[in-house]
Structures are given as C-alpha cells and as structure tokens.
C-alpha atoms as a PDB file:
ATOM      1  CA  MET A   1     -20.189  33.498  43.935  1.00  0.00           C
ATOM      2  CA  ASN A   2     -22.213  30.007  44.404  1.00  0.00           C
ATOM      3  CA  ARG A   3     -22.443  30.200  40.606  1.00  0.00           C
ATOM      4  CA  LEU A   4     -18.637  30.035  40.425  1.00  0.00           C
ATOM      5  CA  LEU A   5     -18.044  27.534  43.131  1.00  0.00           C
ATOM      6  CA  LEU A   6     -20.360  24.694  41.838  1.00  0.00           C
ATOM      7  CA  PRO A   7     -18.568  24.545  38.192  1.00  0.00           C
ATOM      8  CA  THR A   8     -15.136  24.776  40.094  1.00  0.00           C
ATOM      9  CA  ILE A   9     -15.878  21.924  42.135  1.00  0.00           C
ATOM     10  CA  LEU A  10     -17.234  19.730  39.540  1.00  0.00           C
ATOM     11  CA  SER A  11     -14.389  20.352  37.137  1.00  0.00           C
ATOM     12  CA  LEU A  12     -11.933  19.549  40.032  1.00  0.00           C
ATOM     13  CA  LEU A  13     -13.669  16.363  40.742  1.00  0.00           C
ATOM     14  CA  LEU A  14     -13.600  15.426  37.037  1.00  0.00           C
ATOM     15  CA  SER A  15     -10.024  16.064  36.730  1.00  0.00           C
ATOM     16  CA  ALA A  16      -9.366  14.105  39.716  1.00  0.00           C
ATOM     17  CA  CYS A  17     -11.350  11.148  38.414  1.00  0.00           C
ATOM     18  CA  LEU A  18      -9.365  11.383  35.203  1.00  0.00           C
ATOM     19  CA  THR A  19      -5.989  11.000  37.134  1.00  0.00           C
ATOM     20  CA  LEU A  20      -7.191   8.561  39.598  1.00  0.00           C
ATOM     21  CA  PRO A  21      -4.804   5.242  39.544  1.00  0.00           C
ATOM     22  CA  LYS A  22      -6.281   2.047  37.905  1.00  0.00           C
ATOM     23  CA  ILE A  23      -6.547  -1.052  39.783  1.00  0.00           C
ATOM     24  CA  ASP A  24      -3.020  -1.905  38.620  1.00  0.00           C
ATOM     25  CA  GLY A  25      -1.547   1.088  39.937  1.00  0.00           C
ATOM     26  CA  SER A  26      -1.071   2.959  36.861  1.00  0.00           C
ATOM     27  CA  LYS A  27      -2.508   6.292  35.842  1.00  0.00           C
ATOM     28  CA  ALA A  28      -5.512   6.374  33.575  1.00  0.00           C
ATOM     29  CA  PRO A  29      -4.688   8.337  30.502  1.00  0.00           C
ATOM     30  CA  GLU A  30      -6.095  11.743  30.224  1.00  0.00           C
ATOM     31  CA  LEU A  31      -8.920  11.669  27.646  1.00  0.00           C
ATOM     32  CA  THR A  32      -8.810  14.884  26.031  1.00  0.00           C
ATOM     33  CA  LYS A  33      -9.625  16.117  22.412  1.00  0.00           C
ATOM     34  CA  ASP A  34      -6.006  17.410  22.313  1.00  0.00           C
ATOM     35  CA  SER A  35      -4.369  13.919  23.222  1.00  0.00           C
ATOM     36  CA  ALA A  36      -6.485  12.257  20.408  1.00  0.00           C
ATOM     37  CA  GLN A  37      -5.260  14.877  18.022  1.00  0.00           C
ATOM     38  CA  SER A  38      -1.810  14.410  19.364  1.00  0.00           C
ATOM     39  CA  LEU A  39      -1.997  10.536  18.932  1.00  0.00           C
ATOM     40  CA  PHE A  40      -3.262  11.261  15.543  1.00  0.00           C
ATOM     41  CA  ILE A  41      -0.205  13.528  14.691  1.00  0.00           C
ATOM     42  CA  GLU A  42       2.226  11.220  16.167  1.00  0.00           C
ATOM     43  CA  GLY A  43       0.736   8.444  14.349  1.00  0.00           C
ATOM     44  CA  ILE A  44       1.221  10.330  11.041  1.00  0.00           C
ATOM     45  CA  ASP A  45       4.698  11.150  12.101  1.00  0.00           C
ATOM     46  CA  ARG A  46       5.585   7.286  12.414  1.00  0.00           C
ATOM     47  CA  PHE A  47       3.371   6.111   9.817  1.00  0.00           C
ATOM     48  CA  GLU A  48       4.537   3.418   7.595  1.00  0.00           C
ATOM     49  CA  PRO A  49       2.573   1.754   5.041  1.00  0.00           C
ATOM     50  CA  GLY A  50       1.625  -1.758   5.958  1.00  0.00           C
ATOM     51  CA  HIS A  51       1.055  -1.573   9.596  1.00  0.00           C
ATOM     52  CA  ARG A  52      -0.460   0.776  12.032  1.00  0.00           C
ATOM     53  CA  THR A  53       1.626   2.811  14.334  1.00  0.00           C
ATOM     54  CA  GLU A  54       1.349   2.302  17.925  1.00  0.00           C
ATOM     55  CA  ALA A  55      -0.138   5.764  18.349  1.00  0.00           C
ATOM     56  CA  PHE A  56      -2.894   4.769  15.936  1.00  0.00           C
ATOM     57  CA  LEU A  57      -3.443   1.715  18.168  1.00  0.00           C
ATOM     58  CA  LYS A  58      -3.574   3.953  21.255  1.00  0.00           C
ATOM     59  CA  LEU A  59      -6.026   6.306  19.504  1.00  0.00           C
ATOM     60  CA  GLU A  60      -8.304   3.404  18.450  1.00  0.00           C
ATOM     61  CA  GLN A  61      -8.139   1.997  22.175  1.00  0.00           C
ATOM     62  CA  ASN A  62      -8.907   5.314  23.941  1.00  0.00           C
ATOM     63  CA  PHE A  63     -10.841   7.303  21.527  1.00  0.00           C
ATOM     64  CA  SER A  64     -12.713   4.932  19.393  1.00  0.00           C
ATOM     65  CA  ASP A  65     -15.463   7.371  19.045  1.00  0.00           C
ATOM     66  CA  SER A  66     -12.934  10.200  18.064  1.00  0.00           C
ATOM     67  CA  ALA A  67     -13.118  11.854  14.734  1.00  0.00           C
ATOM     68  CA  TRP A  68      -9.307  11.476  14.900  1.00  0.00           C
ATOM     69  CA  ASN A  69      -9.601   7.831  15.105  1.00  0.00           C
ATOM     70  CA  GLN A  70     -11.813   7.778  12.239  1.00  0.00           C
ATOM     71  CA  ARG A  71      -9.226   9.777  10.201  1.00  0.00           C
ATOM     72  CA  ALA A  72      -6.405   7.195  11.298  1.00  0.00           C
ATOM     73  CA  LYS A  73      -8.795   4.307  10.053  1.00  0.00           C
ATOM     74  CA  VAL A  74      -9.091   6.267   6.685  1.00  0.00           C
ATOM     75  CA  LEU A  75      -5.350   6.547   6.242  1.00  0.00           C
ATOM     76  CA  ALA A  76      -4.913   3.084   7.194  1.00  0.00           C
ATOM     77  CA  ASN A  77      -7.282   2.032   4.427  1.00  0.00           C
ATOM     78  CA  LEU A  78      -5.779   4.400   1.956  1.00  0.00           C
ATOM     79  CA  ALA A  79      -2.304   2.989   3.028  1.00  0.00           C
ATOM     80  CA  GLY A  80      -3.647  -0.671   2.280  1.00  0.00           C
ATOM     81  CA  SER A  81      -5.400   0.462  -0.965  1.00  0.00           C
ATOM     82  CA  ARG A  82      -2.152   2.025  -2.087  1.00  0.00           C
ATOM     83  CA  ARG A  83      -0.212  -1.158  -1.362  1.00  0.00           C
ATOM     84  CA  ILE A  84      -2.581  -3.053  -3.427  1.00  0.00           C
ATOM     85  CA  LEU A  85      -2.390  -0.603  -6.181  1.00  0.00           C
ATOM     86  CA  GLU A  86       1.322  -0.753  -5.985  1.00  0.00           C
ATOM     87  CA  LYS A  87       1.234  -4.487  -6.359  1.00  0.00           C
ATOM     88  CA  GLN A  88      -1.134  -4.369  -9.491  1.00  0.00           C
ATOM     89  CA  ILE A  89       1.155  -1.909 -11.058  1.00  0.00           C
ATOM     90  CA  GLN A  90       4.024  -4.085 -10.413  1.00  0.00           C
ATOM     91  CA  ARG A  91       2.212  -6.893 -11.946  1.00  0.00           C
ATOM     92  CA  GLN A  92       1.004  -5.050 -14.779  1.00  0.00           C
ATOM     93  CA  GLN A  93       4.533  -3.769 -15.459  1.00  0.00           C
ATOM     94  CA  ALA A  94       6.005  -7.360 -15.559  1.00  0.00           C
ATOM     95  CA  VAL A  95       3.138  -8.332 -18.010  1.00  0.00           C
ATOM     96  CA  ILE A  96       4.224  -5.467 -20.152  1.00  0.00           C
ATOM     97  CA  ASP A  97       7.891  -6.431 -19.830  1.00  0.00           C
ATOM     98  CA  LYS A  98       6.904 -10.014 -20.912  1.00  0.00           C
ATOM     99  CA  GLN A  99       5.004  -8.732 -23.841  1.00  0.00           C
ATOM    100  CA  GLN A 100       7.973  -6.698 -24.979  1.00  0.00           C
ATOM    101  CA  ASN A 101      10.503  -9.773 -24.488  1.00  0.00           C
ATOM    102  CA  ASP A 102       7.884 -11.798 -26.253  1.00  0.00           C
ATOM    103  CA  LYS A 103       7.599  -9.278 -29.130  1.00  0.00           C
ATOM    104  CA  LEU A 104      11.267  -9.238 -29.617  1.00  0.00           C
ATOM    105  CA  ALA A 105      11.596 -12.994 -29.601  1.00  0.00           C
ATOM    106  CA  LEU A 106       8.732 -13.094 -32.401  1.00  0.00           C
ATOM    107  CA  LYS A 107      10.532 -10.688 -34.273  1.00  0.00           C
ATOM    108  CA  LYS A 108      13.667 -12.688 -34.233  1.00  0.00           C
ATOM    109  CA  LEU A 109      12.003 -15.836 -34.974  1.00  0.00           C
ATOM    110  CA  THR A 110      10.190 -14.094 -38.085  1.00  0.00           C
ATOM    111  CA  GLN A 111      13.537 -13.136 -39.109  1.00  0.00           C
ATOM    112  CA  GLU A 112      14.971 -16.466 -39.103  1.00  0.00           C
ATOM    113  CA  ASN A 113      11.888 -17.868 -40.625  1.00  0.00           C
ATOM    114  CA  ASP A 114      12.209 -15.502 -43.690  1.00  0.00           C
ATOM    115  CA  LEU A 115      15.886 -16.476 -43.924  1.00  0.00           C
ATOM    116  CA  LEU A 116      14.975 -20.359 -43.866  1.00  0.00           C
ATOM    117  CA  GLN A 117      12.462 -19.679 -46.574  1.00  0.00           C
ATOM    118  CA  GLU A 118      14.766 -18.100 -48.650  1.00  0.00           C
ATOM    119  CA  GLN A 119      17.376 -20.933 -48.164  1.00  0.00           C
ATOM    120  CA  VAL A 120      14.513 -23.409 -49.182  1.00  0.00           C
ATOM    121  CA  LYS A 121      14.070 -21.372 -52.404  1.00  0.00           C
ATOM    122  CA  VAL A 122      17.554 -21.549 -53.079  1.00  0.00           C
ATOM    123  CA  LEU A 123      18.057 -25.293 -52.395  1.00  0.00           C
ATOM    124  CA  LYS A 124      14.750 -26.106 -54.393  1.00  0.00           C
ATOM    125  CA  SER A 125      16.296 -24.040 -57.351  1.00  0.00           C
ATOM    126  CA  LEU A 126      19.584 -25.863 -56.950  1.00  0.00           C
ATOM    127  CA  ILE A 127      17.706 -29.261 -56.977  1.00  0.00           C
ATOM    128  CA  ILE A 128      15.803 -28.279 -60.099  1.00  0.00           C
ATOM    129  CA  ASP A 129      19.095 -27.083 -61.793  1.00  0.00           C
ATOM    130  CA  LEU A 130      20.794 -30.394 -60.765  1.00  0.00           C
ATOM    131  CA  GLU A 131      18.103 -32.563 -62.158  1.00  0.00           C
ATOM    132  CA  LEU A 132      17.931 -30.340 -65.310  1.00  0.00           C
ATOM    133  CA  HIS A 133      21.678 -31.026 -65.899  1.00  0.00           C
ATOM    134  CA  GLN A 134      21.882 -34.714 -65.315  1.00  0.00           C
ATOM    135  CA  PRO A 135      21.648 -37.086 -68.313  1.00  0.00           C
END
C-alpha cells in the first residue's frame, strides 16, 4: 500500500502545482503533451500563410522544447518558402509575358520594315524610270 500511496501523493502535488494561480491571479496553463498537440492542430486549422497563428505563438511560448513546436516552425518556414516561390513564379510569368509581347512587337516591326523596303524598291524603280524618260 505504501508503494501506491507515494506516487499518488506526488501526482496530486504535481497536478496541484500546475493549476496553482499565478501571481497575477490567472491560472497557469496545463503543460501536457496533449495540449502541445492540441495547439499544433489548432494552429494547422487556422493556418494562414504569411503570419503565425495565435495557437502557434502559444505553442512556442509554452512548449518551446516540444516536437510539436518544432513542427510548427517547420510549417512556418515552408509557408515562407512557398510565398517566396510564388513571388518568383509571378515575376517569371511577368517576364515571360513581356517577352511574348516583345516578340509580337518585333514581328510587327519586321513586317513593317519589309513593307517599307519593298516601297523603297518601288520608289527607286520609279525614279530610275522617270530619269530614263526625261530628255
């Protein structure tokens, strides 16, 4: 019976310590593995690329050494990398669009140039004919 009594008393004391009010009167958060996991899941549910959710911030404050906190950091880093990649893709798409517009403009200018060269040939031919027919 003594073997069971000591662990029971210790667990009661520890659980009482976790729920003792803080100096400011609020209760201390219960620091369990399940709460870290719950905060991680809540953070995932409310995850928005670009900024960290409140759940992830709480997870970092209360469970800085937790594996769940490390996972949250990895997700935040991945989201940041994703944002950077999306911006790069947008810039590359803008460059591709500009290149296509430039190709169309070049094609149009080439056609105009060809037309002008043909007109110059015709004009030269007319000048030569005019000079030949003049006394």
